[in-house]
N, C-alpha and C. Protein backbone atom coordinates (compact mmCIF):
# COMPACT_ATOMS: atom_id res chain seq x y z
N MET A 1 0.84 -1.18 0.00
CA MET A 1 0.00 0.00 0.00
C MET A 1 0.89 1.25 0.00
N LEU A 2 0.48 2.25 -0.76
CA LEU A 2 1.25 3.47 -0.88
C LEU A 2 0.90 4.42 0.27
N THR A 3 1.91 4.79 1.02
CA THR A 3 1.72 5.74 2.12
C THR A 3 2.72 6.87 1.96
N ALA A 4 2.55 7.88 2.77
CA ALA A 4 3.46 9.03 2.71
C ALA A 4 4.90 8.61 2.99
N GLN A 5 5.09 7.58 3.79
CA GLN A 5 6.44 7.10 4.09
C GLN A 5 7.06 6.35 2.91
N ASN A 6 6.21 5.72 2.09
CA ASN A 6 6.71 4.93 0.96
C ASN A 6 7.01 5.77 -0.28
N VAL A 7 6.46 6.97 -0.35
CA VAL A 7 6.60 7.80 -1.55
C VAL A 7 8.07 8.07 -1.89
N PRO A 8 8.91 8.48 -0.94
CA PRO A 8 10.32 8.69 -1.31
C PRO A 8 10.99 7.43 -1.87
N LYS A 9 10.65 6.27 -1.31
CA LYS A 9 11.21 5.01 -1.82
C LYS A 9 10.74 4.75 -3.25
N LEU A 10 9.47 5.01 -3.49
CA LEU A 10 8.92 4.84 -4.84
C LEU A 10 9.62 5.77 -5.82
N HIS A 11 9.83 7.02 -5.42
CA HIS A 11 10.53 7.98 -6.29
C HIS A 11 11.93 7.47 -6.62
N ASP A 12 12.63 6.93 -5.63
CA ASP A 12 13.98 6.40 -5.86
C ASP A 12 13.95 5.23 -6.85
N LEU A 13 12.92 4.40 -6.77
CA LEU A 13 12.81 3.25 -7.66
C LEU A 13 12.53 3.65 -9.11
N ILE A 14 11.68 4.64 -9.32
CA ILE A 14 11.29 5.00 -10.68
C ILE A 14 12.16 6.09 -11.31
N ARG A 15 12.97 6.78 -10.51
CA ARG A 15 13.80 7.87 -11.02
C ARG A 15 14.65 7.47 -12.22
N PRO A 16 15.27 6.29 -12.25
CA PRO A 16 16.10 5.94 -13.42
C PRO A 16 15.30 5.80 -14.72
N PHE A 17 14.00 5.64 -14.62
CA PHE A 17 13.18 5.40 -15.81
C PHE A 17 12.49 6.65 -16.33
N PHE A 18 12.52 7.73 -15.57
CA PHE A 18 11.86 8.97 -15.98
C PHE A 18 12.86 10.10 -16.01
N LEU A 19 12.78 10.88 -17.06
CA LEU A 19 13.59 12.07 -17.17
C LEU A 19 12.63 13.24 -17.27
N ARG A 20 12.41 13.89 -16.17
CA ARG A 20 11.46 14.99 -16.15
C ARG A 20 12.21 16.27 -15.82
N ARG A 21 12.15 17.22 -16.73
CA ARG A 21 12.83 18.50 -16.55
C ARG A 21 11.86 19.62 -16.88
N THR A 22 12.10 20.76 -16.27
CA THR A 22 11.31 21.93 -16.61
C THR A 22 11.97 22.61 -17.80
N LYS A 23 11.23 23.48 -18.44
CA LYS A 23 11.73 24.19 -19.61
C LYS A 23 12.99 24.98 -19.26
N ALA A 24 13.00 25.62 -18.10
CA ALA A 24 14.16 26.42 -17.69
C ALA A 24 15.42 25.57 -17.55
N GLN A 25 15.27 24.31 -17.13
CA GLN A 25 16.42 23.44 -16.96
C GLN A 25 17.04 23.02 -18.28
N VAL A 26 16.24 22.90 -19.33
CA VAL A 26 16.78 22.41 -20.59
C VAL A 26 17.11 23.51 -21.59
N LEU A 27 16.65 24.71 -21.36
CA LEU A 27 16.89 25.79 -22.32
C LEU A 27 18.36 26.11 -22.50
N THR A 28 19.17 25.82 -21.52
CA THR A 28 20.59 26.19 -21.61
C THR A 28 21.36 25.35 -22.62
N PHE A 29 20.93 24.11 -22.90
CA PHE A 29 21.70 23.27 -23.80
C PHE A 29 20.91 22.79 -25.02
N LEU A 30 19.77 23.37 -25.26
CA LEU A 30 19.00 22.98 -26.44
C LEU A 30 19.47 23.74 -27.68
N PRO A 31 19.45 23.08 -28.83
CA PRO A 31 19.75 23.81 -30.06
C PRO A 31 18.62 24.79 -30.34
N PRO A 32 18.83 25.71 -31.28
CA PRO A 32 17.75 26.65 -31.61
C PRO A 32 16.49 25.89 -32.03
N MET A 33 15.37 26.42 -31.60
CA MET A 33 14.11 25.74 -31.87
C MET A 33 13.74 25.85 -33.34
N ALA A 34 13.33 24.72 -33.90
CA ALA A 34 12.78 24.70 -35.25
C ALA A 34 11.30 24.39 -35.09
N GLN A 35 10.49 25.34 -35.40
CA GLN A 35 9.05 25.16 -35.20
C GLN A 35 8.37 24.95 -36.54
N ILE A 36 7.68 23.83 -36.64
CA ILE A 36 6.89 23.53 -37.83
C ILE A 36 5.47 23.28 -37.35
N ILE A 37 4.55 24.08 -37.82
CA ILE A 37 3.16 23.95 -37.40
C ILE A 37 2.45 23.01 -38.37
N VAL A 38 1.91 21.94 -37.83
CA VAL A 38 1.19 20.96 -38.64
C VAL A 38 -0.27 20.99 -38.19
N PRO A 39 -1.14 21.57 -38.99
CA PRO A 39 -2.55 21.61 -38.60
C PRO A 39 -3.14 20.20 -38.62
N VAL A 40 -3.88 19.88 -37.58
CA VAL A 40 -4.58 18.59 -37.51
C VAL A 40 -6.03 18.86 -37.13
N SER A 41 -6.90 18.00 -37.57
CA SER A 41 -8.31 18.15 -37.19
C SER A 41 -8.57 17.29 -35.95
N MET A 42 -9.73 17.48 -35.38
CA MET A 42 -10.07 16.72 -34.17
C MET A 42 -10.61 15.34 -34.55
N THR A 43 -10.46 14.40 -33.64
CA THR A 43 -11.10 13.10 -33.81
C THR A 43 -12.59 13.26 -33.54
N VAL A 44 -13.36 12.26 -33.85
CA VAL A 44 -14.80 12.31 -33.60
C VAL A 44 -15.07 12.51 -32.11
N VAL A 45 -14.33 11.81 -31.27
CA VAL A 45 -14.49 11.94 -29.82
C VAL A 45 -14.19 13.36 -29.37
N GLN A 46 -13.11 13.92 -29.88
CA GLN A 46 -12.74 15.28 -29.52
C GLN A 46 -13.81 16.28 -29.96
N LYS A 47 -14.33 16.12 -31.18
CA LYS A 47 -15.37 17.03 -31.67
C LYS A 47 -16.61 16.99 -30.79
N LYS A 48 -17.05 15.79 -30.45
CA LYS A 48 -18.25 15.65 -29.61
C LYS A 48 -18.03 16.28 -28.24
N LEU A 49 -16.89 16.02 -27.65
CA LEU A 49 -16.59 16.58 -26.34
C LEU A 49 -16.46 18.11 -26.41
N TYR A 50 -15.79 18.61 -27.43
CA TYR A 50 -15.62 20.05 -27.64
C TYR A 50 -16.98 20.74 -27.73
N LEU A 51 -17.86 20.17 -28.54
CA LEU A 51 -19.20 20.76 -28.69
C LEU A 51 -20.01 20.66 -27.41
N SER A 52 -19.82 19.59 -26.64
CA SER A 52 -20.56 19.48 -25.38
C SER A 52 -20.07 20.50 -24.35
N ILE A 53 -18.77 20.81 -24.38
CA ILE A 53 -18.24 21.83 -23.47
C ILE A 53 -18.84 23.20 -23.84
N LEU A 54 -18.88 23.48 -25.13
CA LEU A 54 -19.47 24.74 -25.58
C LEU A 54 -20.96 24.79 -25.26
N ALA A 55 -21.67 23.68 -25.44
CA ALA A 55 -23.12 23.64 -25.22
C ALA A 55 -23.48 23.89 -23.76
N LYS A 56 -22.61 23.48 -22.84
CA LYS A 56 -22.87 23.68 -21.41
C LYS A 56 -22.78 25.15 -21.02
N ASN A 57 -22.15 25.97 -21.85
CA ASN A 57 -21.85 27.35 -21.49
C ASN A 57 -22.39 28.35 -22.50
N THR A 58 -23.56 28.08 -23.03
CA THR A 58 -24.11 28.94 -24.10
C THR A 58 -24.39 30.36 -23.63
N ASP A 59 -24.90 30.53 -22.41
CA ASP A 59 -25.20 31.88 -21.91
C ASP A 59 -23.94 32.74 -21.83
N LEU A 60 -22.88 32.15 -21.32
CA LEU A 60 -21.63 32.89 -21.20
C LEU A 60 -21.08 33.22 -22.59
N LEU A 61 -21.17 32.29 -23.51
CA LEU A 61 -20.67 32.55 -24.86
C LEU A 61 -21.47 33.65 -25.54
N ARG A 62 -22.77 33.67 -25.31
CA ARG A 62 -23.59 34.76 -25.86
C ARG A 62 -23.17 36.10 -25.26
N ALA A 63 -22.88 36.11 -23.97
CA ALA A 63 -22.47 37.34 -23.29
C ALA A 63 -21.14 37.87 -23.86
N ILE A 64 -20.26 36.97 -24.22
CA ILE A 64 -18.96 37.38 -24.78
C ILE A 64 -19.16 38.16 -26.07
N PHE A 65 -20.08 37.68 -26.89
CA PHE A 65 -20.28 38.29 -28.20
C PHE A 65 -21.33 39.39 -28.19
N SER A 66 -21.88 39.69 -27.04
CA SER A 66 -22.86 40.76 -26.92
C SER A 66 -22.14 42.10 -26.97
N ILE A 67 -22.61 43.00 -27.80
CA ILE A 67 -21.97 44.30 -27.98
C ILE A 67 -22.28 45.25 -26.83
N ASN A 68 -23.43 45.08 -26.23
CA ASN A 68 -23.94 46.05 -25.26
C ASN A 68 -23.46 45.87 -23.83
N ARG A 69 -22.68 44.86 -23.54
CA ARG A 69 -22.26 44.71 -22.15
C ARG A 69 -20.85 44.15 -22.05
N SER A 70 -20.21 44.47 -20.93
CA SER A 70 -18.88 43.91 -20.68
C SER A 70 -19.04 42.74 -19.71
N LEU A 71 -18.01 41.89 -19.68
CA LEU A 71 -18.08 40.70 -18.83
C LEU A 71 -17.87 41.05 -17.37
N LYS A 72 -18.63 40.39 -16.50
CA LYS A 72 -18.44 40.53 -15.06
C LYS A 72 -17.22 39.71 -14.66
N GLN A 73 -16.74 39.96 -13.45
CA GLN A 73 -15.53 39.28 -12.97
C GLN A 73 -15.71 37.76 -12.97
N ASN A 74 -16.86 37.28 -12.47
CA ASN A 74 -17.05 35.82 -12.42
C ASN A 74 -17.21 35.23 -13.82
N GLU A 75 -17.74 36.01 -14.76
CA GLU A 75 -17.86 35.54 -16.14
C GLU A 75 -16.48 35.40 -16.78
N ARG A 76 -15.59 36.32 -16.44
CA ARG A 76 -14.21 36.23 -16.96
C ARG A 76 -13.52 34.98 -16.43
N ALA A 77 -13.74 34.70 -15.15
CA ALA A 77 -13.15 33.49 -14.56
C ALA A 77 -13.72 32.24 -15.22
N ASN A 78 -15.04 32.24 -15.44
CA ASN A 78 -15.67 31.10 -16.10
C ASN A 78 -15.16 30.93 -17.53
N LEU A 79 -14.94 32.04 -18.20
CA LEU A 79 -14.41 31.98 -19.56
C LEU A 79 -13.02 31.34 -19.55
N GLY A 80 -12.20 31.72 -18.59
CA GLY A 80 -10.87 31.11 -18.46
C GLY A 80 -10.98 29.60 -18.24
N ASN A 81 -11.95 29.19 -17.42
CA ASN A 81 -12.15 27.76 -17.18
C ASN A 81 -12.59 27.03 -18.44
N ILE A 82 -13.50 27.65 -19.18
CA ILE A 82 -13.98 27.03 -20.43
C ILE A 82 -12.81 26.88 -21.41
N LEU A 83 -12.02 27.93 -21.55
CA LEU A 83 -10.89 27.86 -22.47
C LEU A 83 -9.90 26.76 -22.06
N MET A 84 -9.68 26.60 -20.75
CA MET A 84 -8.79 25.54 -20.27
C MET A 84 -9.37 24.17 -20.59
N GLN A 85 -10.67 24.00 -20.40
CA GLN A 85 -11.33 22.73 -20.72
C GLN A 85 -11.20 22.42 -22.21
N LEU A 86 -11.39 23.43 -23.04
CA LEU A 86 -11.27 23.24 -24.49
C LEU A 86 -9.84 22.88 -24.88
N ARG A 87 -8.86 23.51 -24.25
CA ARG A 87 -7.45 23.19 -24.53
C ARG A 87 -7.14 21.75 -24.16
N LYS A 88 -7.65 21.31 -23.00
CA LYS A 88 -7.44 19.92 -22.59
C LYS A 88 -8.06 18.96 -23.59
N CYS A 89 -9.27 19.27 -24.02
CA CYS A 89 -9.96 18.44 -25.00
C CYS A 89 -9.16 18.35 -26.29
N LEU A 90 -8.58 19.44 -26.73
CA LEU A 90 -7.81 19.44 -27.97
C LEU A 90 -6.51 18.65 -27.84
N CYS A 91 -5.94 18.59 -26.65
CA CYS A 91 -4.76 17.74 -26.45
C CYS A 91 -5.17 16.27 -26.50
N HIS A 92 -6.09 15.94 -25.62
CA HIS A 92 -6.59 14.57 -25.57
C HIS A 92 -7.86 14.56 -24.74
N PRO A 93 -8.93 13.94 -25.21
CA PRO A 93 -10.18 13.96 -24.46
C PRO A 93 -10.07 13.30 -23.08
N PHE A 94 -9.13 12.37 -22.91
CA PHE A 94 -8.99 11.72 -21.61
C PHE A 94 -8.32 12.65 -20.59
N VAL A 95 -7.60 13.66 -21.06
CA VAL A 95 -7.03 14.67 -20.15
C VAL A 95 -8.17 15.48 -19.55
N TYR A 96 -9.17 15.78 -20.38
CA TYR A 96 -10.34 16.53 -19.90
C TYR A 96 -11.18 15.67 -18.98
N ASN A 97 -11.43 14.42 -19.36
CA ASN A 97 -12.31 13.56 -18.57
C ASN A 97 -11.86 12.11 -18.73
N ARG A 98 -11.28 11.56 -17.68
CA ARG A 98 -10.77 10.18 -17.72
C ARG A 98 -11.89 9.14 -17.75
N GLU A 99 -13.09 9.54 -17.34
CA GLU A 99 -14.20 8.58 -17.27
C GLU A 99 -14.66 8.13 -18.65
N ILE A 100 -14.35 8.87 -19.69
CA ILE A 100 -14.78 8.47 -21.03
C ILE A 100 -13.83 7.46 -21.67
N GLU A 101 -12.71 7.21 -21.01
CA GLU A 101 -11.73 6.26 -21.54
C GLU A 101 -12.28 4.84 -21.44
N GLU A 102 -12.20 4.11 -22.55
CA GLU A 102 -12.60 2.71 -22.55
C GLU A 102 -11.47 1.90 -21.94
N ARG A 103 -11.76 1.25 -20.83
CA ARG A 103 -10.74 0.42 -20.18
C ARG A 103 -10.75 -0.97 -20.80
N ASN A 104 -9.56 -1.54 -20.95
CA ASN A 104 -9.45 -2.87 -21.52
C ASN A 104 -8.26 -3.56 -20.89
N ASP A 105 -8.39 -4.86 -20.64
CA ASP A 105 -7.30 -5.62 -20.02
C ASP A 105 -6.16 -5.91 -20.99
N VAL A 106 -6.46 -5.85 -22.28
CA VAL A 106 -5.43 -6.12 -23.29
C VAL A 106 -4.68 -4.83 -23.57
N ALA A 107 -3.39 -4.84 -23.31
CA ALA A 107 -2.57 -3.63 -23.45
C ALA A 107 -2.61 -3.04 -24.85
N ALA A 108 -2.58 -3.88 -25.86
CA ALA A 108 -2.59 -3.38 -27.24
C ALA A 108 -3.90 -2.65 -27.56
N VAL A 109 -5.00 -3.15 -27.04
CA VAL A 109 -6.31 -2.52 -27.28
C VAL A 109 -6.37 -1.18 -26.53
N SER A 110 -5.89 -1.16 -25.30
CA SER A 110 -5.86 0.09 -24.53
C SER A 110 -5.00 1.13 -25.23
N HIS A 111 -3.86 0.69 -25.76
CA HIS A 111 -2.96 1.60 -26.48
C HIS A 111 -3.66 2.17 -27.71
N ARG A 112 -4.34 1.31 -28.48
CA ARG A 112 -5.06 1.77 -29.68
C ARG A 112 -6.13 2.79 -29.30
N ASN A 113 -6.90 2.49 -28.24
CA ASN A 113 -7.95 3.42 -27.79
C ASN A 113 -7.35 4.76 -27.40
N LEU A 114 -6.23 4.71 -26.72
CA LEU A 114 -5.56 5.93 -26.27
C LEU A 114 -5.09 6.77 -27.46
N VAL A 115 -4.46 6.13 -28.43
CA VAL A 115 -3.93 6.85 -29.59
C VAL A 115 -5.05 7.36 -30.48
N GLU A 116 -6.04 6.53 -30.72
CA GLU A 116 -7.10 6.90 -31.67
C GLU A 116 -8.02 7.99 -31.14
N ALA A 117 -7.99 8.27 -29.85
CA ALA A 117 -8.85 9.31 -29.29
C ALA A 117 -8.30 10.71 -29.52
N SER A 118 -7.02 10.83 -29.87
CA SER A 118 -6.39 12.14 -30.02
C SER A 118 -5.62 12.24 -31.33
N THR A 119 -5.93 13.25 -32.10
CA THR A 119 -5.23 13.45 -33.37
C THR A 119 -3.75 13.75 -33.14
N LYS A 120 -3.45 14.43 -32.05
CA LYS A 120 -2.04 14.73 -31.76
C LYS A 120 -1.25 13.45 -31.52
N LEU A 121 -1.84 12.49 -30.81
CA LEU A 121 -1.14 11.22 -30.59
C LEU A 121 -1.05 10.41 -31.88
N GLN A 122 -2.06 10.50 -32.71
CA GLN A 122 -2.00 9.82 -34.00
C GLN A 122 -0.83 10.36 -34.84
N LEU A 123 -0.68 11.68 -34.83
CA LEU A 123 0.42 12.30 -35.56
C LEU A 123 1.77 11.88 -34.97
N LEU A 124 1.87 11.88 -33.66
CA LEU A 124 3.13 11.45 -33.02
C LEU A 124 3.46 10.00 -33.34
N GLU A 125 2.43 9.17 -33.40
CA GLU A 125 2.64 7.75 -33.72
C GLU A 125 3.25 7.59 -35.11
N ILE A 126 2.93 8.49 -36.01
CA ILE A 126 3.49 8.46 -37.36
C ILE A 126 4.88 9.09 -37.40
N LEU A 127 5.01 10.26 -36.75
CA LEU A 127 6.26 11.02 -36.84
C LEU A 127 7.43 10.45 -36.05
N LEU A 128 7.18 9.99 -34.83
CA LEU A 128 8.28 9.57 -33.96
C LEU A 128 9.13 8.44 -34.55
N PRO A 129 8.53 7.38 -35.10
CA PRO A 129 9.39 6.34 -35.70
C PRO A 129 10.24 6.87 -36.86
N LYS A 130 9.66 7.76 -37.66
CA LYS A 130 10.41 8.32 -38.80
C LYS A 130 11.56 9.19 -38.31
N LEU A 131 11.32 9.98 -37.28
CA LEU A 131 12.38 10.83 -36.73
C LEU A 131 13.49 9.97 -36.12
N LYS A 132 13.12 8.93 -35.40
CA LYS A 132 14.11 8.03 -34.79
C LYS A 132 14.95 7.36 -35.87
N GLU A 133 14.28 6.92 -36.93
CA GLU A 133 14.95 6.26 -38.04
C GLU A 133 16.02 7.16 -38.66
N ARG A 134 15.75 8.46 -38.68
CA ARG A 134 16.69 9.43 -39.26
C ARG A 134 17.71 9.96 -38.25
N GLY A 135 17.67 9.44 -37.04
CA GLY A 135 18.66 9.82 -36.03
C GLY A 135 18.32 11.08 -35.24
N HIS A 136 17.11 11.57 -35.37
CA HIS A 136 16.71 12.76 -34.62
C HIS A 136 16.38 12.40 -33.18
N ARG A 137 16.55 13.38 -32.34
CA ARG A 137 16.11 13.26 -30.95
C ARG A 137 14.94 14.22 -30.78
N VAL A 138 13.99 13.84 -29.95
CA VAL A 138 12.76 14.62 -29.80
C VAL A 138 12.57 14.98 -28.34
N LEU A 139 12.19 16.21 -28.12
CA LEU A 139 11.87 16.68 -26.78
C LEU A 139 10.44 17.21 -26.84
N ILE A 140 9.57 16.67 -26.01
CA ILE A 140 8.16 17.05 -26.04
C ILE A 140 7.82 17.83 -24.78
N PHE A 141 7.26 19.01 -24.97
CA PHE A 141 6.80 19.83 -23.86
C PHE A 141 5.28 19.80 -23.85
N SER A 142 4.71 19.84 -22.67
CA SER A 142 3.26 19.94 -22.54
C SER A 142 2.94 20.68 -21.26
N GLN A 143 1.88 21.47 -21.31
CA GLN A 143 1.44 22.15 -20.09
C GLN A 143 0.59 21.23 -19.23
N PHE A 144 0.21 20.09 -19.78
CA PHE A 144 -0.62 19.16 -19.04
C PHE A 144 0.16 17.89 -18.79
N LEU A 145 0.49 17.63 -17.54
CA LEU A 145 1.26 16.45 -17.16
C LEU A 145 0.53 15.17 -17.59
N ASP A 146 -0.79 15.15 -17.48
CA ASP A 146 -1.55 13.97 -17.88
C ASP A 146 -1.37 13.66 -19.36
N MET A 147 -1.16 14.67 -20.16
CA MET A 147 -0.96 14.46 -21.59
C MET A 147 0.34 13.70 -21.84
N LEU A 148 1.38 14.03 -21.06
CA LEU A 148 2.66 13.34 -21.22
C LEU A 148 2.56 11.90 -20.77
């Protein structure tokens, strides 16, 4: 059983297998950034979830586009929350809501479900083997730890 006393031991055991650094730690030795923007569309799951997030907040969205009034403080906070939810959905729908993930005992099926739910993971699944084959090294940053 995991307890507060066991956590340091667990960290020591898994430390050799994880390399986690902040952006500030790696900026000193990274080559200049080459940024290539690859537009991707959403998966069906992402589209449905995205639209459901918007549908839950129709009054606030109407208020944003209303010419005659400015947003109240709580509406601005709610807007920030909605935008964060939408960003999570665009990364991966399971980051937004883990309950929609189909659980399966077969690892290969779980992996397929995980990849097929997010266009970004589908793209990575195609790009990473090709980059490795050409000798490239890849560093992936994300603002959402669950996405990594």
